[in-house]
Amino acid sequence: MNLPNIKTNRKTGNENFVLKKKVLNIKIQDFWCWNQSNLIENRTRGILAEFIVKEALNIKSQSRIEWDYYDLITDNGTKIEVKSAAYIQSWKQRKYSAIKFSISKTVNEPSNCELSGKIGRSSDYYVFCLLKTKDQDVINPIDLDQWTFFVLKTDIINEKLQNQKTIGLNSLLKLNPVQCNYNQLKDVII
C-alpha cells in the first residue's frame, strides 16, 4: 500500500461538526479553545513557539506539518528546528524547571539522497525558545516580551555535540548562540 500525504485545507474555525449530514452547533474553534487554551503546557507551548518563530520570520506556510523533518522552512529554503522550554509549568511545582532542549537526531529527509534513511539533524538552524518568566501571576506566552530566543547553526550542534540528545541552557550558552528577541529573529536567520 502506498498512501500519499494528505493535503491540509486551512480552517477558519467557523466550520461546524456534522452528524448524519446534519450541521451541529459545535465549531472547530470550540475544539481549539478547549484543546489549546493552556499555552503553558509543554506540547502546546512547543507548537506555539513554532508559530511565534514562523510569524517572526514571515513564513507563509498555511498549516503546521506534524512529524516533518524540520519545523519550518523559509522562502529561501532555510530549514529551522524550533525547541521550547520554560521555568514555569502548568502543573504544581516545588521548584522551577531546569531548562533543557531536545537535540536528538532523527531520520533525515528521504529526498536528500546523501542522508536518505540515515539518522541526523535535517535543519540548518535551531531556534531555542525560552519562556523566561518566573512569575506565575504574570506569565503569558502570547506576550512576546516574555520570550528570549537562542539561534544556533545545526552544524555547530553536529560538530560539538554529535550524538547528544539534550542540551541545558548553560551548555547552550557555551556554544555562543545568537540571543535575540522576537523582533530580531528575522535579522539573525535571514
N, C-alpha and C. Protein backbone atom coordinates (compact mmCIF):
# COMPACT_ATOMS: atom_id res chain seq x y z
N MET A 1 0.85 -1.17 0.00
CA MET A 1 0.00 0.00 0.00
C MET A 1 0.89 1.24 0.00
N ASN A 2 0.52 2.24 -0.73
CA ASN A 2 1.28 3.48 -0.81
C ASN A 2 0.29 4.64 -0.73
N LEU A 3 0.09 5.16 0.48
CA LEU A 3 -0.83 6.28 0.68
C LEU A 3 -0.04 7.58 0.66
N PRO A 4 -0.42 8.53 -0.19
CA PRO A 4 0.31 9.80 -0.25
C PRO A 4 -0.03 10.68 0.95
N ASN A 5 0.77 11.74 1.13
CA ASN A 5 0.46 12.73 2.17
C ASN A 5 -0.91 13.33 1.92
N ILE A 6 -1.62 13.63 2.98
CA ILE A 6 -2.92 14.30 2.86
C ILE A 6 -2.67 15.80 2.88
N LYS A 7 -3.19 16.48 1.88
CA LYS A 7 -3.05 17.93 1.82
C LYS A 7 -4.06 18.55 2.77
N THR A 8 -3.57 19.38 3.67
CA THR A 8 -4.42 20.03 4.66
C THR A 8 -5.06 21.27 4.07
N ASN A 9 -6.35 21.37 4.23
CA ASN A 9 -7.06 22.60 3.87
C ASN A 9 -7.16 23.47 5.11
N ARG A 10 -6.69 24.69 5.00
CA ARG A 10 -6.68 25.61 6.14
C ARG A 10 -8.11 25.87 6.61
N LYS A 11 -8.31 25.77 7.91
CA LYS A 11 -9.62 26.01 8.51
C LYS A 11 -9.70 27.44 9.05
N THR A 12 -10.92 27.95 9.13
CA THR A 12 -11.14 29.29 9.69
C THR A 12 -11.51 29.22 11.16
N GLY A 13 -12.00 28.07 11.60
CA GLY A 13 -12.51 27.93 12.96
C GLY A 13 -14.01 28.00 13.01
N ASN A 14 -14.61 28.48 11.94
CA ASN A 14 -16.07 28.60 11.89
C ASN A 14 -16.77 27.38 11.32
N GLU A 15 -16.00 26.39 10.91
CA GLU A 15 -16.60 25.17 10.36
C GLU A 15 -17.31 24.39 11.46
N ASN A 16 -18.48 23.87 11.13
CA ASN A 16 -19.27 23.12 12.11
C ASN A 16 -19.03 21.63 11.98
N PHE A 17 -19.15 20.92 13.11
CA PHE A 17 -19.18 19.47 13.09
C PHE A 17 -20.49 19.03 12.48
N VAL A 18 -20.49 17.82 11.91
CA VAL A 18 -21.67 17.29 11.23
C VAL A 18 -21.94 15.88 11.76
N LEU A 19 -23.21 15.56 11.92
CA LEU A 19 -23.62 14.23 12.33
C LEU A 19 -24.80 13.82 11.47
N LYS A 20 -24.63 12.72 10.72
CA LYS A 20 -25.66 12.22 9.81
C LYS A 20 -26.17 13.33 8.88
N LYS A 21 -25.19 14.06 8.33
CA LYS A 21 -25.42 15.14 7.38
C LYS A 21 -26.13 16.35 7.98
N LYS A 22 -26.28 16.36 9.30
CA LYS A 22 -26.89 17.50 9.98
C LYS A 22 -25.80 18.33 10.63
N VAL A 23 -25.82 19.63 10.38
CA VAL A 23 -24.84 20.55 10.93
C VAL A 23 -25.14 20.76 12.41
N LEU A 24 -24.13 20.52 13.24
CA LEU A 24 -24.28 20.69 14.68
C LEU A 24 -23.82 22.07 15.11
N ASN A 25 -24.23 22.50 16.27
CA ASN A 25 -23.83 23.79 16.80
C ASN A 25 -22.51 23.65 17.57
N ILE A 26 -21.56 22.96 16.95
CA ILE A 26 -20.22 22.79 17.51
C ILE A 26 -19.24 23.19 16.41
N LYS A 27 -18.40 24.14 16.71
CA LYS A 27 -17.46 24.64 15.72
C LYS A 27 -16.03 24.17 16.04
N ILE A 28 -15.20 24.17 15.00
CA ILE A 28 -13.79 23.82 15.20
C ILE A 28 -13.15 24.75 16.22
N GLN A 29 -13.54 26.02 16.24
CA GLN A 29 -12.95 26.94 17.21
C GLN A 29 -13.29 26.53 18.64
N ASP A 30 -14.42 25.85 18.85
CA ASP A 30 -14.75 25.32 20.17
C ASP A 30 -13.72 24.28 20.59
N PHE A 31 -13.37 23.42 19.64
CA PHE A 31 -12.33 22.41 19.89
C PHE A 31 -10.99 23.08 20.16
N TRP A 32 -10.63 24.06 19.32
CA TRP A 32 -9.36 24.74 19.51
C TRP A 32 -9.27 25.38 20.89
N CYS A 33 -10.33 26.06 21.32
CA CYS A 33 -10.33 26.70 22.64
C CYS A 33 -10.20 25.67 23.75
N TRP A 34 -10.92 24.56 23.60
CA TRP A 34 -10.88 23.50 24.60
C TRP A 34 -9.50 22.86 24.67
N ASN A 35 -8.89 22.61 23.51
CA ASN A 35 -7.64 21.87 23.43
C ASN A 35 -6.39 22.74 23.58
N GLN A 36 -6.43 23.96 23.12
CA GLN A 36 -5.20 24.75 23.01
C GLN A 36 -5.12 25.93 23.97
N SER A 37 -6.05 26.11 24.87
CA SER A 37 -6.03 27.29 25.73
C SER A 37 -4.90 27.30 26.75
N ASN A 38 -4.42 26.14 27.16
CA ASN A 38 -3.33 26.09 28.12
C ASN A 38 -2.00 26.24 27.38
N LEU A 39 -1.62 27.48 27.13
CA LEU A 39 -0.41 27.76 26.35
C LEU A 39 0.88 27.51 27.11
N ILE A 40 0.77 27.25 28.40
CA ILE A 40 1.96 26.95 29.20
C ILE A 40 2.30 25.47 29.14
N GLU A 41 1.31 24.63 28.89
CA GLU A 41 1.50 23.18 28.81
C GLU A 41 2.56 22.87 27.75
N ASN A 42 3.45 21.92 28.04
CA ASN A 42 4.63 21.67 27.20
C ASN A 42 4.33 21.48 25.72
N ARG A 43 3.42 20.59 25.40
CA ARG A 43 3.14 20.28 23.99
C ARG A 43 2.60 21.51 23.27
N THR A 44 1.65 22.17 23.90
CA THR A 44 1.04 23.35 23.27
C THR A 44 2.05 24.50 23.19
N ARG A 45 2.85 24.69 24.25
CA ARG A 45 3.86 25.75 24.24
C ARG A 45 4.87 25.51 23.11
N GLY A 46 5.22 24.25 22.85
CA GLY A 46 6.15 23.95 21.77
C GLY A 46 5.59 24.32 20.41
N ILE A 47 4.32 24.01 20.20
CA ILE A 47 3.66 24.37 18.93
C ILE A 47 3.52 25.89 18.83
N LEU A 48 3.19 26.53 19.96
CA LEU A 48 3.11 27.99 19.97
C LEU A 48 4.46 28.61 19.62
N ALA A 49 5.54 28.05 20.15
CA ALA A 49 6.88 28.56 19.84
C ALA A 49 7.16 28.46 18.34
N GLU A 50 6.76 27.35 17.73
CA GLU A 50 6.92 27.22 16.27
C GLU A 50 6.15 28.34 15.55
N PHE A 51 4.92 28.60 15.99
CA PHE A 51 4.11 29.64 15.38
C PHE A 51 4.75 31.01 15.56
N ILE A 52 5.27 31.29 16.75
CA ILE A 52 5.91 32.58 17.01
C ILE A 52 7.11 32.77 16.09
N VAL A 53 7.94 31.74 15.94
CA VAL A 53 9.11 31.83 15.04
C VAL A 53 8.64 32.00 13.60
N LYS A 54 7.62 31.25 13.21
CA LYS A 54 7.05 31.37 11.85
C LYS A 54 6.64 32.82 11.57
N GLU A 55 5.95 33.41 12.52
CA GLU A 55 5.49 34.79 12.34
C GLU A 55 6.66 35.78 12.33
N ALA A 56 7.63 35.58 13.21
CA ALA A 56 8.78 36.48 13.25
C ALA A 56 9.55 36.46 11.93
N LEU A 57 9.60 35.29 11.29
CA LEU A 57 10.33 35.15 10.03
C LEU A 57 9.46 35.38 8.81
N ASN A 58 8.19 35.69 9.06
CA ASN A 58 7.24 35.96 7.98
C ASN A 58 7.14 34.78 7.00
N ILE A 59 7.11 33.56 7.55
CA ILE A 59 6.97 32.35 6.73
C ILE A 59 5.50 32.19 6.38
N LYS A 60 5.22 31.93 5.15
CA LYS A 60 3.84 31.94 4.64
C LYS A 60 3.13 30.59 4.67
N SER A 61 3.68 29.57 5.31
CA SER A 61 3.02 28.25 5.30
C SER A 61 1.61 28.36 5.86
N GLN A 62 0.70 27.61 5.26
CA GLN A 62 -0.71 27.67 5.62
C GLN A 62 -1.06 26.84 6.84
N SER A 63 -0.29 25.79 7.09
CA SER A 63 -0.59 24.95 8.25
C SER A 63 0.67 24.22 8.69
N ARG A 64 0.64 23.78 9.92
CA ARG A 64 1.76 23.06 10.51
C ARG A 64 1.74 21.61 10.03
N ILE A 65 2.92 21.07 9.77
CA ILE A 65 3.03 19.66 9.38
C ILE A 65 3.62 18.90 10.56
N GLU A 66 2.82 18.00 11.12
CA GLU A 66 3.26 17.19 12.25
C GLU A 66 4.29 16.16 11.77
N TRP A 67 5.31 15.93 12.55
CA TRP A 67 6.33 14.91 12.30
C TRP A 67 7.13 15.15 11.02
N ASP A 68 7.30 16.41 10.65
CA ASP A 68 8.13 16.71 9.49
C ASP A 68 9.61 16.61 9.91
N TYR A 69 10.50 16.69 8.95
CA TYR A 69 11.93 16.52 9.21
C TYR A 69 12.55 17.75 9.86
N TYR A 70 11.86 18.85 9.83
CA TYR A 70 12.22 20.10 10.48
C TYR A 70 10.91 20.83 10.69
N ASP A 71 10.92 21.87 11.49
CA ASP A 71 9.66 22.52 11.84
C ASP A 71 9.21 23.58 10.84
N LEU A 72 10.13 24.35 10.32
CA LEU A 72 9.79 25.45 9.42
C LEU A 72 10.79 25.53 8.28
N ILE A 73 10.35 26.12 7.18
CA ILE A 73 11.26 26.39 6.07
C ILE A 73 10.94 27.79 5.54
N THR A 74 11.98 28.60 5.39
CA THR A 74 11.80 29.96 4.90
C THR A 74 11.60 29.96 3.39
N ASP A 75 11.24 31.10 2.86
CA ASP A 75 11.04 31.23 1.41
C ASP A 75 12.32 30.93 0.64
N ASN A 76 13.48 31.17 1.26
CA ASN A 76 14.74 30.89 0.55
C ASN A 76 15.26 29.47 0.83
N GLY A 77 14.45 28.64 1.51
CA GLY A 77 14.82 27.24 1.71
C GLY A 77 15.58 26.93 2.99
N THR A 78 15.75 27.91 3.87
CA THR A 78 16.42 27.67 5.14
C THR A 78 15.51 26.85 6.04
N LYS A 79 16.02 25.72 6.53
CA LYS A 79 15.24 24.81 7.38
C LYS A 79 15.54 25.09 8.84
N ILE A 80 14.47 25.14 9.64
CA ILE A 80 14.60 25.54 11.04
C ILE A 80 13.93 24.51 11.94
N GLU A 81 14.64 24.15 12.99
CA GLU A 81 14.10 23.30 14.06
C GLU A 81 13.85 24.21 15.25
N VAL A 82 12.64 24.15 15.81
CA VAL A 82 12.25 25.02 16.93
C VAL A 82 12.09 24.17 18.17
N LYS A 83 12.70 24.60 19.27
CA LYS A 83 12.58 23.91 20.55
C LYS A 83 12.15 24.93 21.60
N SER A 84 11.40 24.45 22.59
CA SER A 84 10.84 25.33 23.59
C SER A 84 11.09 24.81 24.99
N ALA A 85 11.26 25.73 25.94
CA ALA A 85 11.39 25.38 27.35
C ALA A 85 10.87 26.55 28.19
N ALA A 86 10.55 26.26 29.46
CA ALA A 86 10.05 27.29 30.38
C ALA A 86 10.39 26.90 31.81
N TYR A 87 10.56 27.90 32.65
CA TYR A 87 10.79 27.65 34.07
C TYR A 87 9.50 27.23 34.77
N ILE A 88 8.38 27.81 34.32
CA ILE A 88 7.08 27.55 34.94
C ILE A 88 6.30 26.60 34.07
N GLN A 89 5.70 25.61 34.71
CA GLN A 89 4.85 24.62 34.02
C GLN A 89 3.41 24.81 34.46
N SER A 90 2.51 24.14 33.82
CA SER A 90 1.09 24.27 34.17
C SER A 90 0.72 23.43 35.38
N TRP A 91 1.58 22.50 35.78
CA TRP A 91 1.29 21.66 36.93
C TRP A 91 1.94 22.26 38.19
N LYS A 92 1.56 21.71 39.35
CA LYS A 92 2.13 22.16 40.62
C LYS A 92 3.63 21.84 40.63
N GLN A 93 4.44 22.82 41.04
CA GLN A 93 5.89 22.66 41.05
C GLN A 93 6.46 22.95 42.42
N ARG A 94 7.52 22.24 42.78
CA ARG A 94 8.26 22.53 44.01
C ARG A 94 9.40 23.51 43.73
N LYS A 95 9.83 23.54 42.46
CA LYS A 95 10.90 24.45 42.06
C LYS A 95 10.74 24.72 40.56
N TYR A 96 11.47 25.69 40.08
CA TYR A 96 11.44 25.98 38.64
C TYR A 96 11.98 24.79 37.87
N SER A 97 11.49 24.59 36.68
CA SER A 97 12.00 23.53 35.81
C SER A 97 13.39 23.89 35.32
N ALA A 98 14.24 22.87 35.24
CA ALA A 98 15.56 23.06 34.62
C ALA A 98 15.34 23.28 33.12
N ILE A 99 16.07 24.18 32.56
CA ILE A 99 15.91 24.48 31.14
C ILE A 99 16.75 23.51 30.32
N LYS A 100 16.06 22.64 29.58
CA LYS A 100 16.69 21.66 28.70
C LYS A 100 15.93 21.63 27.39
N PHE A 101 16.66 21.43 26.33
CA PHE A 101 16.07 21.35 24.99
C PHE A 101 16.47 20.03 24.34
N SER A 102 15.57 19.44 23.60
CA SER A 102 15.90 18.22 22.85
C SER A 102 16.69 18.59 21.60
N ILE A 103 17.74 17.83 21.35
CA ILE A 103 18.52 18.00 20.12
C ILE A 103 18.79 16.63 19.49
N SER A 104 17.92 15.68 19.80
CA SER A 104 18.09 14.31 19.30
C SER A 104 18.12 14.28 17.79
N LYS A 105 18.93 13.39 17.28
CA LYS A 105 18.93 13.13 15.84
C LYS A 105 17.68 12.33 15.50
N THR A 106 17.20 12.50 14.27
CA THR A 106 16.04 11.76 13.79
C THR A 106 16.35 11.23 12.40
N VAL A 107 15.41 10.51 11.83
CA VAL A 107 15.59 10.03 10.45
C VAL A 107 15.58 11.26 9.55
N ASN A 108 16.60 11.36 8.72
CA ASN A 108 16.73 12.52 7.83
C ASN A 108 15.73 12.48 6.68
N GLU A 109 15.62 13.60 6.06
CA GLU A 109 14.70 13.79 4.94
C GLU A 109 15.01 12.81 3.81
N PRO A 110 14.04 11.97 3.41
CA PRO A 110 14.29 10.99 2.36
C PRO A 110 14.66 11.60 1.01
N SER A 111 14.21 12.84 0.75
CA SER A 111 14.52 13.43 -0.55
C SER A 111 15.99 13.85 -0.66
N ASN A 112 16.69 13.88 0.45
CA ASN A 112 18.10 14.22 0.42
C ASN A 112 18.88 12.92 0.20
N CYS A 113 19.35 12.70 -0.99
CA CYS A 113 19.96 11.41 -1.33
C CYS A 113 21.22 11.13 -0.53
N GLU A 114 21.91 12.16 -0.05
CA GLU A 114 23.12 11.93 0.76
C GLU A 114 22.78 11.38 2.14
N LEU A 115 21.61 11.76 2.66
CA LEU A 115 21.26 11.41 4.03
C LEU A 115 20.08 10.45 4.11
N SER A 116 19.54 10.05 2.98
CA SER A 116 18.32 9.27 2.94
C SER A 116 18.34 8.07 3.88
N GLY A 117 17.37 8.08 4.81
CA GLY A 117 17.23 6.97 5.73
C GLY A 117 18.24 6.94 6.86
N LYS A 118 19.17 7.86 6.88
CA LYS A 118 20.18 7.90 7.93
C LYS A 118 19.71 8.81 9.06
N ILE A 119 20.25 8.57 10.22
CA ILE A 119 19.92 9.39 11.38
C ILE A 119 20.75 10.67 11.33
N GLY A 120 20.12 11.79 11.62
CA GLY A 120 20.82 13.06 11.62
C GLY A 120 19.91 14.20 12.01
N ARG A 121 20.39 15.40 11.80
CA ARG A 121 19.61 16.61 12.04
C ARG A 121 19.42 17.29 10.69
N SER A 122 18.18 17.50 10.29
CA SER A 122 17.87 17.95 8.93
C SER A 122 17.80 19.46 8.76
N SER A 123 17.82 20.21 9.85
CA SER A 123 17.66 21.66 9.75
C SER A 123 19.00 22.35 9.51
N ASP A 124 18.88 23.62 9.13
CA ASP A 124 20.06 24.48 9.00
C ASP A 124 20.33 25.23 10.31
N TYR A 125 19.25 25.54 11.02
CA TYR A 125 19.34 26.27 12.28
C TYR A 125 18.43 25.63 13.32
N TYR A 126 18.81 25.78 14.57
CA TYR A 126 17.94 25.52 15.71
C TYR A 126 17.60 26.87 16.32
N VAL A 127 16.32 27.06 16.65
CA VAL A 127 15.90 28.22 17.42
C VAL A 127 15.38 27.68 18.75
N PHE A 128 16.11 27.98 19.81
CA PHE A 128 15.73 27.57 21.16
C PHE A 128 14.94 28.71 21.78
N CYS A 129 13.68 28.46 22.08
CA CYS A 129 12.76 29.48 22.56
C CYS A 129 12.54 29.29 24.06
N LEU A 130 12.89 30.29 24.84
CA LEU A 130 12.76 30.20 26.28
C LEU A 130 11.68 31.17 26.76
N LEU A 131 10.61 30.62 27.33
CA LEU A 131 9.62 31.44 28.01
C LEU A 131 10.23 31.72 29.38
N LYS A 132 10.84 32.89 29.51
CA LYS A 132 11.76 33.17 30.60
C LYS A 132 11.10 33.65 31.89
N THR A 133 9.84 33.95 31.85
CA THR A 133 9.13 34.47 33.02
C THR A 133 9.15 33.45 34.17
N LYS A 134 9.40 33.95 35.37
CA LYS A 134 9.43 33.09 36.55
C LYS A 134 8.33 33.47 37.55
N ASP A 135 7.36 34.23 37.12
CA ASP A 135 6.28 34.69 37.99
C ASP A 135 4.95 34.14 37.46
N GLN A 136 4.34 33.24 38.24
CA GLN A 136 3.07 32.63 37.82
C GLN A 136 1.97 33.67 37.65
N ASP A 137 2.05 34.78 38.35
CA ASP A 137 0.99 35.79 38.28
C ASP A 137 1.02 36.58 36.98
N VAL A 138 2.15 36.60 36.30
CA VAL A 138 2.23 37.41 35.07
C VAL A 138 2.56 36.59 33.83
N ILE A 139 2.86 35.29 33.99
CA ILE A 139 3.26 34.51 32.82
C ILE A 139 2.16 34.54 31.76
N ASN A 140 2.59 34.84 30.55
CA ASN A 140 1.64 34.97 29.44
C ASN A 140 2.40 34.67 28.15
N PRO A 141 2.31 33.45 27.64
CA PRO A 141 3.08 33.07 26.46
C PRO A 141 2.80 33.89 25.20
N ILE A 142 1.68 34.63 25.16
CA ILE A 142 1.45 35.46 23.97
C ILE A 142 2.01 36.87 24.15
N ASP A 143 2.63 37.15 25.29
CA ASP A 143 3.39 38.38 25.48
C ASP A 143 4.80 38.09 24.99
N LEU A 144 5.12 38.54 23.82
CA LEU A 144 6.39 38.18 23.18
C LEU A 144 7.60 38.74 23.91
N ASP A 145 7.39 39.71 24.81
CA ASP A 145 8.49 40.21 25.63
C ASP A 145 8.91 39.20 26.69
N GLN A 146 8.08 38.20 26.94
CA GLN A 146 8.42 37.18 27.94
C GLN A 146 9.27 36.04 27.36
N TRP A 147 9.58 36.11 26.08
CA TRP A 147 10.39 35.09 25.41
C TRP A 147 11.77 35.64 25.10
N THR A 148 12.74 34.75 25.12
CA THR A 148 14.05 35.05 24.55
C THR A 148 14.41 33.88 23.63
N PHE A 149 15.14 34.18 22.59
CA PHE A 149 15.44 33.18 21.56
C PHE A 149 16.96 33.04 21.42
N PHE A 150 17.39 31.81 21.26
CA PHE A 150 18.80 31.50 21.05
C PHE A 150 18.90 30.77 19.71
N VAL A 151 19.65 31.33 18.78
CA VAL A 151 19.76 30.78 17.44
C VAL A 151 21.16 30.20 17.26
N LEU A 152 21.19 28.96 16.78
CA LEU A 152 22.46 28.27 16.60
C LEU A 152 22.41 27.45 15.32
N LYS A 153 23.47 27.52 14.54
CA LYS A 153 23.54 26.70 13.33
C LYS A 153 23.61 25.22 13.72
N THR A 154 22.90 24.41 12.99
CA THR A 154 22.87 22.98 13.25
C THR A 154 24.26 22.38 13.10
N ASP A 155 25.08 22.91 12.20
CA ASP A 155 26.45 22.42 12.02
C ASP A 155 27.25 22.47 13.32
N ILE A 156 27.02 23.51 14.12
CA ILE A 156 27.74 23.64 15.40
C ILE A 156 27.28 22.54 16.36
N ILE A 157 25.98 22.27 16.39
CA ILE A 157 25.47 21.20 17.24
C ILE A 157 26.05 19.86 16.80
N ASN A 158 26.06 19.63 15.49
CA ASN A 158 26.60 18.36 14.98
C ASN A 158 28.08 18.21 15.31
N GLU A 159 28.84 19.29 15.18
CA GLU A 159 30.28 19.22 15.42
C GLU A 159 30.60 19.09 16.92
N LYS A 160 29.97 19.90 17.73
CA LYS A 160 30.32 19.96 19.15
C LYS A 160 29.59 18.92 20.01
N LEU A 161 28.37 18.57 19.63
CA LEU A 161 27.56 17.72 20.49
C LEU A 161 27.28 16.35 19.90
N GLN A 162 27.57 16.18 18.65
CA GLN A 162 27.45 14.91 17.92
C GLN A 162 26.18 14.15 18.26
N ASN A 163 26.24 13.11 19.08
CA ASN A 163 25.08 12.26 19.35
C ASN A 163 24.30 12.63 20.61
N GLN A 164 24.64 13.76 21.20
CA GLN A 164 23.95 14.21 22.41
C GLN A 164 22.46 14.41 22.12
N LYS A 165 21.60 14.07 23.08
CA LYS A 165 20.15 14.13 22.86
C LYS A 165 19.48 15.35 23.45
N THR A 166 20.08 15.96 24.48
CA THR A 166 19.52 17.17 25.08
C THR A 166 20.65 18.14 25.38
N ILE A 167 20.26 19.39 25.56
CA ILE A 167 21.23 20.40 25.96
C ILE A 167 20.57 21.32 26.97
N GLY A 168 21.28 21.59 28.06
CA GLY A 168 20.82 22.53 29.06
C GLY A 168 21.18 23.95 28.66
N LEU A 169 20.57 24.91 29.34
CA LEU A 169 20.79 26.31 28.99
C LEU A 169 22.26 26.71 29.14
N ASN A 170 22.91 26.35 30.23
CA ASN A 170 24.32 26.73 30.41
C ASN A 170 25.22 26.14 29.33
N SER A 171 24.99 24.89 28.96
CA SER A 171 25.77 24.27 27.89
C SER A 171 25.49 24.93 26.55
N LEU A 172 24.24 25.30 26.33
CA LEU A 172 23.88 26.01 25.10
C LEU A 172 24.62 27.34 25.02
N LEU A 173 24.62 28.08 26.12
CA LEU A 173 25.27 29.39 26.12
C LEU A 173 26.77 29.29 25.84
N LYS A 174 27.40 28.19 26.23
CA LYS A 174 28.83 27.98 25.96
C LYS A 174 29.11 27.84 24.46
N LEU A 175 28.08 27.51 23.67
CA LEU A 175 28.24 27.39 22.21
C LEU A 175 28.05 28.73 21.50
N ASN A 176 27.85 29.79 22.27
CA ASN A 176 27.71 31.15 21.74
C ASN A 176 26.59 31.31 20.72
N PRO A 177 25.37 30.91 21.07
CA PRO A 177 24.26 31.15 20.14
C PRO A 177 23.99 32.65 20.08
N VAL A 178 23.31 33.06 19.03
CA VAL A 178 22.86 34.45 18.97
C VAL A 178 21.60 34.54 19.82
N GLN A 179 21.66 35.38 20.84
CA GLN A 179 20.49 35.59 21.70
C GLN A 179 19.77 36.82 21.19
N CYS A 180 18.45 36.70 21.03
CA CYS A 180 17.71 37.82 20.48
C CYS A 180 16.27 37.82 20.99
N ASN A 181 15.57 38.90 20.66
CA ASN A 181 14.15 38.97 20.97
C ASN A 181 13.35 38.69 19.70
N TYR A 182 12.05 38.74 19.81
CA TYR A 182 11.15 38.43 18.69
C TYR A 182 11.48 39.28 17.46
N ASN A 183 11.63 40.58 17.65
CA ASN A 183 11.86 41.49 16.51
C ASN A 183 13.20 41.27 15.83
N GLN A 184 14.14 40.65 16.51
CA GLN A 184 15.48 40.45 15.95
C GLN A 184 15.65 39.10 15.23
N LEU A 185 14.71 38.19 15.42
CA LEU A 185 14.86 36.84 14.85
C LEU A 185 15.09 36.86 13.33
N LYS A 186 14.32 37.68 12.64
CA LYS A 186 14.43 37.70 11.18
C LYS A 186 15.83 38.14 10.72
N ASP A 187 16.40 39.10 11.42
CA ASP A 187 17.73 39.58 11.06
C ASP A 187 18.80 38.53 11.34
N VAL A 188 18.57 37.68 12.34
CA VAL A 188 19.55 36.68 12.72
C VAL A 188 19.56 35.51 11.73
N ILE A 189 18.39 35.10 11.27
CA ILE A 189 18.29 33.89 10.43
C ILE A 189 18.32 34.20 8.94
N ILE A 190 17.73 35.28 8.52
CA ILE A 190 17.63 35.53 7.07
C ILE A 190 18.66 36.54 6.61
